[in-house]
Amino acid sequence: MSDAIRGWRSMHGAPKDNTMVLLLVQPIEGEGWTPFADSMDPYVTIGFNGRDDTGTDCWQFAGWDWSHDCFVDGQGKVLAWMPLPVGWQA
């Protein structure tokens, strides 16, 4: 992993049972603009993957709609993950 994501875990071991985790996401131009800052730098958000329950291997994560100032389904490439801090799990 690059220095930008040092300390983050590889997506190969990420849980896919609807467990909420921290995600490091790379915005991608042309796919909707949902990062929390006006930057192409990777950003941290929360999300989950429900493949074990639905059969669909898809990450869903929070993003920001800059036109309407509200949370939306995030767009971008998920680079890495981390468990939520202790005590934050539902």
Protein backbone atom coordinates (compact mmCIF):
# COMPACT_ATOMS: atom_id res chain seq x y z
CA MET A 1 0.00 0.00 0.00
CA SER A 2 1.15 3.53 -0.66
CA ASP A 3 2.16 5.98 2.07
CA ALA A 4 -1.22 7.73 1.65
CA ILE A 5 -3.06 4.68 2.98
CA ARG A 6 -0.49 3.29 5.42
CA GLY A 7 -2.25 1.85 8.47
CA TRP A 8 -5.40 1.04 6.51
CA ARG A 9 -6.39 -2.56 5.76
CA SER A 10 -6.54 -4.17 2.33
CA MET A 11 -9.99 -4.51 0.78
CA HIS A 12 -9.32 -8.25 0.33
CA GLY A 13 -10.06 -8.85 4.01
CA ALA A 14 -12.94 -6.38 4.40
CA PRO A 15 -16.13 -7.73 5.99
CA LYS A 16 -19.06 -8.18 3.62
CA ASP A 17 -21.76 -8.95 6.19
CA ASN A 18 -23.24 -5.42 6.52
CA THR A 19 -20.70 -4.47 9.20
CA MET A 20 -20.26 -0.68 9.27
CA VAL A 21 -16.59 0.27 8.78
CA LEU A 22 -14.43 3.29 7.99
CA LEU A 23 -13.57 3.51 4.30
CA LEU A 24 -10.88 5.41 2.42
CA VAL A 25 -12.37 6.47 -0.92
CA GLN A 26 -10.74 7.97 -4.01
CA PRO A 27 -13.05 10.39 -5.87
CA ILE A 28 -13.30 9.69 -9.61
CA GLU A 29 -14.04 12.53 -12.02
CA GLY A 30 -17.16 12.00 -14.07
CA GLU A 31 -18.81 9.57 -11.64
CA GLY A 32 -20.55 12.12 -9.46
CA TRP A 33 -18.80 14.41 -7.03
CA THR A 34 -19.45 13.20 -3.47
CA PRO A 35 -16.29 13.76 -1.37
CA PHE A 36 -16.64 15.83 1.79
CA ALA A 37 -13.98 18.34 0.66
CA ASP A 38 -13.44 20.05 -2.67
CA SER A 39 -10.43 17.88 -3.49
CA MET A 40 -9.41 14.85 -5.52
CA ASP A 41 -7.54 13.50 -2.48
CA PRO A 42 -8.82 10.28 -0.89
CA TYR A 43 -11.34 10.92 1.89
CA VAL A 44 -12.61 8.99 4.90
CA THR A 45 -16.25 8.02 5.25
CA ILE A 46 -18.38 5.21 6.69
CA GLY A 47 -19.94 2.38 4.73
CA PHE A 48 -20.72 -1.31 4.41
CA ASN A 49 -20.95 -4.20 1.96
CA GLY A 50 -23.88 -6.63 2.21
CA ARG A 51 -22.69 -9.37 -0.16
CA ASP A 52 -23.17 -12.15 2.40
CA ASP A 53 -26.87 -11.25 2.75
CA THR A 54 -27.75 -10.05 -0.76
CA GLY A 55 -25.26 -11.81 -3.03
CA THR A 56 -24.32 -8.42 -4.51
CA ASP A 57 -20.70 -7.40 -3.88
CA CYS A 58 -21.18 -3.62 -3.68
CA TRP A 59 -19.85 -1.02 -1.24
CA GLN A 60 -22.34 1.58 -0.07
CA PHE A 61 -20.92 4.63 1.68
CA ALA A 62 -21.77 8.17 2.68
CA GLY A 63 -20.96 11.04 0.35
CA TRP A 64 -21.89 14.71 0.12
CA ASP A 65 -24.04 16.48 -2.50
CA TRP A 66 -22.45 19.90 -2.97
CA SER A 67 -25.45 21.25 -4.91
CA HIS A 68 -28.06 20.41 -2.27
CA ASP A 69 -25.87 20.36 0.87
CA CYS A 70 -26.96 16.92 2.04
CA PHE A 71 -25.64 13.38 2.49
CA VAL A 72 -25.98 11.03 -0.50
CA ASP A 73 -24.79 7.60 -1.60
CA GLY A 74 -21.06 8.05 -2.20
CA GLN A 75 -19.34 7.61 -5.53
CA GLY A 76 -15.70 6.67 -6.04
CA LYS A 77 -13.22 3.84 -5.67
CA VAL A 78 -12.91 2.26 -2.22
CA LEU A 79 -9.18 1.93 -1.52
CA ALA A 80 -8.97 0.55 2.02
CA TRP A 81 -10.88 0.03 5.25
CA MET A 82 -10.60 0.08 9.05
CA PRO A 83 -12.92 -1.13 11.79
CA LEU A 84 -14.91 1.58 13.55
CA PRO A 85 -13.33 2.66 16.83
CA VAL A 86 -14.32 0.57 19.87
CA GLY A 87 -17.70 1.66 21.18
CA TRP A 88 -18.92 3.00 17.81
CA GLN A 89 -20.27 -0.32 16.52
CA ALA A 90 -24.05 -0.68 16.43
